[in-house]
């Protein structure tokens, strides 16, 4: 229970890595703010599995600053502070350069970049010293091979990794650590909807473990960066991919 007394706000927490992280941090003792965009049933189920006194479901479109502000207020009204911030909400549209529309570009940057940026800005005043921000990148920003349709997604994750470098300098003055987790291929709903059996087999073959990752394995690494033992780790991007890259 190393996170007893801590409060974690996790966006996109009704499924995938966000859900796995909520369950892991709750198991470690943290109270959890479960953000969701549309799946109220999954969010409520998660809250009840954690316990209604230690969890709160908040519906918010975290690509919009006004809704981010309301979510942060609800979290602070309920728990009084935020110790751990994990912006997991994201989108992964596949589009090479020639077919990328302005609408797609604006939407993915709004959710994947603007959302985490302003969430940190709005939450930081309510985060005490020794708090942790863990952003989500991807191993594909460092992989030697990548397919053209990943261009918009990787543009956003490149921005995330630069945010980590500079936010760590900024928030370090308040004693807040800022890091990123950079997963490899992981069996989430977001990732799997774009894959065929053939591509999954190929991706598994590229990993020395012969498989792709599980959300719980990514959540374990997020937990590592959420507690006291990582107090001297900041400004870093941790690649969690089973040795793939």
Protein backbone atom coordinates (compact mmCIF):
# COMPACT_ATOMS: atom_id res chain seq x y z
CA UNK A 1 0.00 0.00 0.00
CA UNK A 2 2.82 2.40 -0.88
CA UNK A 3 0.34 4.90 -2.36
CA UNK A 4 -1.98 5.04 0.65
CA UNK A 5 -3.31 8.58 1.07
CA UNK A 6 -2.43 9.53 -2.53
CA UNK A 7 -4.93 10.67 -5.17
CA UNK A 8 -4.50 9.72 -8.84
CA UNK A 9 -6.36 11.33 -11.74
CA UNK A 10 -6.32 9.11 -14.83
CA UNK A 11 -7.87 10.13 -18.14
CA UNK A 12 -9.19 7.49 -20.50
CA UNK A 13 -9.50 5.24 -17.47
CA UNK A 14 -12.56 3.20 -18.47
CA UNK A 15 -10.52 0.84 -20.69
CA UNK A 16 -7.08 -0.22 -21.85
CA UNK A 17 -3.93 1.07 -20.17
CA UNK A 18 -5.95 3.68 -18.27
CA UNK A 19 -8.17 1.04 -16.66
CA UNK A 20 -5.24 -1.23 -15.85
CA UNK A 21 -3.45 1.72 -14.27
CA UNK A 22 -6.48 2.67 -12.19
CA UNK A 23 -6.71 -0.86 -10.82
CA UNK A 24 -2.99 -1.09 -10.12
CA UNK A 25 -2.71 2.27 -8.34
CA UNK A 26 -5.87 1.51 -6.36
CA UNK A 27 -4.34 -1.81 -5.31
CA UNK A 28 -1.34 0.16 -4.08
CA UNK A 29 -3.64 2.28 -1.91
CA UNK A 30 -4.39 5.37 -4.01
CA UNK A 31 -7.79 6.96 -4.44
CA UNK A 32 -8.69 7.21 -8.13
CA UNK A 33 -10.44 9.78 -10.31
CA UNK A 34 -11.69 7.77 -13.30
CA UNK A 35 -12.13 9.98 -16.35
CA UNK A 36 -14.12 8.70 -19.32
CA UNK A 37 -15.54 10.21 -22.49
CA UNK A 38 -18.54 8.01 -23.29
CA UNK A 39 -18.45 4.60 -21.59
CA UNK A 40 -20.23 5.44 -18.34
CA UNK A 41 -21.05 1.81 -17.61
CA UNK A 42 -17.40 0.71 -17.65
CA UNK A 43 -16.36 3.73 -15.57
CA UNK A 44 -19.04 3.07 -12.95
CA UNK A 45 -18.12 -0.61 -12.81
CA UNK A 46 -14.50 0.36 -12.22
CA UNK A 47 -15.45 2.80 -9.46
CA UNK A 48 -17.47 0.15 -7.66
CA UNK A 49 -14.68 -2.40 -7.98
CA UNK A 50 -12.29 0.07 -6.31
CA UNK A 51 -14.86 1.32 -3.80
CA UNK A 52 -17.11 4.35 -3.97
CA UNK A 53 -15.28 6.09 -1.11
CA UNK A 54 -11.94 5.78 -2.92
CA UNK A 55 -12.98 6.38 -6.51
CA UNK A 56 -14.89 8.96 -8.54
CA UNK A 57 -16.03 8.72 -12.17
CA UNK A 58 -15.92 11.98 -14.13
CA UNK A 59 -17.18 12.35 -17.67
CA UNK A 60 -15.13 14.90 -19.63
CA UNK A 61 -13.85 15.48 -23.14
CA UNK A 62 -10.21 16.11 -22.27
CA UNK A 63 -9.50 17.72 -25.62
CA UNK A 64 -11.39 20.77 -24.32
CA UNK A 65 -9.85 23.04 -21.70
CA UNK A 66 -13.18 24.01 -20.12
CA UNK A 67 -14.01 20.36 -19.46
CA UNK A 68 -10.52 19.72 -18.11
CA UNK A 69 -11.04 22.56 -15.62
CA UNK A 70 -14.36 21.09 -14.48
CA UNK A 71 -12.81 17.64 -14.08
CA UNK A 72 -9.93 18.94 -11.98
CA UNK A 73 -12.38 20.88 -9.79
CA UNK A 74 -14.48 17.73 -9.22
CA UNK A 75 -11.36 15.79 -8.29
CA UNK A 76 -10.19 18.42 -5.82
CA UNK A 77 -13.69 18.90 -4.38
CA UNK A 78 -13.85 15.15 -3.70
CA UNK A 79 -10.31 14.39 -2.52
CA UNK A 80 -8.70 17.76 -1.76
CA UNK A 81 -5.62 17.33 -3.97
CA UNK A 82 -4.03 15.44 -6.86
CA UNK A 83 -0.78 13.52 -6.26
CA UNK A 84 -0.53 11.49 -9.46
CA UNK A 85 -1.59 12.59 -12.94
CA UNK A 86 -1.76 10.05 -15.79
CA UNK A 87 -3.25 11.36 -19.07
CA UNK A 88 -4.03 8.07 -20.84
CA UNK A 89 -6.81 9.31 -23.14
CA UNK A 90 -5.73 9.28 -26.75
CA UNK A 91 -6.59 8.41 -30.31
CA UNK A 92 -4.72 6.46 -32.98
CA UNK A 93 -6.05 7.24 -36.47
CA UNK A 94 -4.03 5.69 -39.27
CA UNK A 95 -3.32 8.14 -42.08
CA UNK A 96 -0.30 8.66 -44.36
CA UNK A 97 0.68 12.18 -45.33
CA UNK A 98 -1.31 12.38 -48.56
CA UNK A 99 -4.65 11.47 -46.96
CA UNK A 100 -4.35 13.40 -43.68
CA UNK A 101 -7.14 15.95 -43.42
CA UNK A 102 -7.04 19.15 -41.41
CA UNK A 103 -9.89 17.82 -39.26
CA UNK A 104 -8.01 14.62 -38.41
CA UNK A 105 -4.84 16.60 -37.64
CA UNK A 106 -6.67 19.04 -35.38
CA UNK A 107 -8.58 16.30 -33.57
CA UNK A 108 -5.57 14.12 -32.78
CA UNK A 109 -3.48 17.05 -31.58
CA UNK A 110 -6.38 18.31 -29.45
CA UNK A 111 -6.72 15.00 -27.61
CA UNK A 112 -3.15 13.68 -27.61
CA UNK A 113 -1.25 16.94 -27.03
CA UNK A 114 -3.48 19.84 -26.00
CA UNK A 115 -5.35 17.65 -23.52
CA UNK A 116 -2.31 16.49 -21.51
CA UNK A 117 -0.69 19.95 -21.76
CA UNK A 118 -3.60 21.80 -20.20
CA UNK A 119 -4.46 19.00 -17.80
CA UNK A 120 -1.02 19.38 -16.25
CA UNK A 121 -1.43 23.17 -16.23
CA UNK A 122 -4.80 23.04 -14.44
CA UNK A 123 -3.86 20.24 -12.04
CA UNK A 124 -0.42 21.53 -11.01
CA UNK A 125 -1.72 24.16 -8.53
CA UNK A 126 -3.42 21.32 -6.64
CA UNK A 127 -0.39 18.98 -6.66
CA UNK A 128 1.78 19.02 -3.52
CA UNK A 129 5.57 18.49 -3.55
CA UNK A 130 6.55 14.86 -4.30
CA UNK A 131 3.71 14.52 -6.81
CA UNK A 132 4.14 12.74 -10.13
CA UNK A 133 3.02 13.38 -13.70
CA UNK A 134 3.31 10.39 -16.05
CA UNK A 135 2.56 11.12 -19.69
CA UNK A 136 2.07 8.47 -22.38
CA UNK A 137 4.29 8.26 -25.46
CA UNK A 138 5.07 5.26 -27.69
CA UNK A 139 8.12 3.17 -28.50
CA UNK A 140 7.50 3.95 -32.18
CA UNK A 141 9.09 7.37 -31.67
CA UNK A 142 12.40 5.51 -31.37
CA UNK A 143 11.79 2.41 -33.51
CA UNK A 144 13.98 1.94 -36.58
CA UNK A 145 11.03 0.87 -38.72
CA UNK A 146 7.64 2.54 -38.81
CA UNK A 147 4.80 2.56 -41.34
CA UNK A 148 3.69 5.85 -43.01
CA UNK A 149 0.09 5.74 -41.62
CA UNK A 150 1.48 6.31 -38.11
CA UNK A 151 2.62 9.83 -39.06
CA UNK A 152 -0.10 11.91 -37.29
CA UNK A 153 0.03 9.76 -34.16
CA UNK A 154 3.80 9.88 -33.90
CA UNK A 155 3.81 13.64 -34.45
CA UNK A 156 1.72 13.95 -31.28
CA UNK A 157 3.91 11.57 -29.30
CA UNK A 158 7.03 13.45 -30.34
CA UNK A 159 5.39 16.50 -28.81
CA UNK A 160 4.69 14.56 -25.61
CA UNK A 161 8.34 13.60 -25.20
CA UNK A 162 9.42 17.23 -25.58
CA UNK A 163 6.78 18.29 -23.06
CA UNK A 164 8.29 15.84 -20.58
CA UNK A 165 11.78 17.31 -20.98
CA UNK A 166 10.67 20.89 -20.41
CA UNK A 167 7.84 20.37 -17.91
CA UNK A 168 10.29 18.49 -15.69
CA UNK A 169 12.37 21.68 -15.48
CA UNK A 170 9.32 23.85 -14.86
CA UNK A 171 7.46 21.72 -12.29
CA UNK A 172 10.68 20.53 -10.68
CA UNK A 173 10.75 23.86 -8.89
CA UNK A 174 7.60 22.69 -7.07
CA UNK A 175 9.04 19.26 -6.34
CA UNK A 176 6.87 17.56 -8.98
CA UNK A 177 8.40 14.81 -11.11
CA UNK A 178 7.42 14.58 -14.79
CA UNK A 179 8.14 11.44 -16.82
CA UNK A 180 6.69 9.44 -19.68
CA UNK A 181 5.99 5.79 -20.28
CA UNK A 182 6.62 4.70 -23.87
CA UNK A 183 4.85 1.38 -24.53
CA UNK A 184 5.50 -0.96 -27.40
CA UNK A 185 2.58 -2.74 -29.11
CA UNK A 186 0.06 -3.45 -26.35
CA UNK A 187 -3.18 -5.39 -26.42
CA UNK A 188 -5.61 -2.53 -25.90
CA UNK A 189 -8.88 -1.86 -27.70
CA UNK A 190 -7.36 1.27 -29.27
CA UNK A 191 -4.40 -0.63 -30.69
CA UNK A 192 -6.15 -3.86 -31.67
CA UNK A 193 -8.85 -2.22 -33.79
CA UNK A 194 -6.22 -1.31 -36.41
CA UNK A 195 -4.51 -4.72 -36.56
CA UNK A 196 -4.94 -7.84 -38.64
CA UNK A 197 -3.93 -11.34 -37.59
CA UNK A 198 -1.00 -11.06 -39.96
CA UNK A 199 0.29 -7.78 -38.49
CA UNK A 200 -0.10 -9.08 -34.93
CA UNK A 201 1.93 -12.15 -35.82
CA UNK A 202 4.61 -9.95 -37.39
CA UNK A 203 4.74 -7.64 -34.36
CA UNK A 204 4.98 -10.58 -31.98
CA UNK A 205 7.84 -11.98 -34.04
CA UNK A 206 9.75 -8.70 -33.73
CA UNK A 207 9.78 -8.99 -29.94
CA UNK A 208 12.36 -11.26 -28.26
CA UNK A 209 9.55 -12.49 -26.00
CA UNK A 210 7.50 -13.55 -29.03
CA UNK A 211 4.39 -11.58 -28.04
CA UNK A 212 2.95 -8.11 -27.62
CA UNK A 213 2.48 -6.42 -24.26
CA UNK A 214 -0.50 -6.43 -21.93
CA UNK A 215 -2.07 -3.29 -20.38
CA UNK A 216 -1.23 -4.56 -16.89
CA UNK A 217 2.48 -4.63 -17.77
CA UNK A 218 2.37 -0.98 -18.77
CA UNK A 219 0.41 -0.15 -15.61
CA UNK A 220 3.11 -1.77 -13.48
CA UNK A 221 5.69 0.63 -14.93
CA UNK A 222 3.39 3.60 -14.38
CA UNK A 223 3.07 2.50 -10.76
CA UNK A 224 6.86 2.46 -10.53
CA UNK A 225 6.98 6.13 -11.57
CA UNK A 226 4.10 7.10 -9.28
CA UNK A 227 5.67 6.49 -5.90
CA UNK A 228 8.37 7.63 -3.51
CA UNK A 229 11.02 5.29 -4.91
CA UNK A 230 11.12 7.28 -8.19
CA UNK A 231 11.54 10.65 -6.46
CA UNK A 232 14.90 11.26 -8.22
CA UNK A 233 13.65 10.26 -11.68
CA UNK A 234 12.30 13.14 -13.75
CA UNK A 235 12.43 14.36 -17.33
CA UNK A 236 12.76 10.77 -18.57
CA UNK A 237 10.97 8.61 -21.11
CA UNK A 238 10.89 4.96 -20.07
CA UNK A 239 10.46 2.56 -22.98
CA UNK A 240 8.34 -0.40 -21.89
CA UNK A 241 8.32 -2.83 -24.79
CA UNK A 242 9.81 -6.17 -23.75
CA UNK A 243 13.05 -5.41 -25.58
CA UNK A 244 11.42 -4.75 -28.96
CA UNK A 245 13.26 -1.44 -29.46
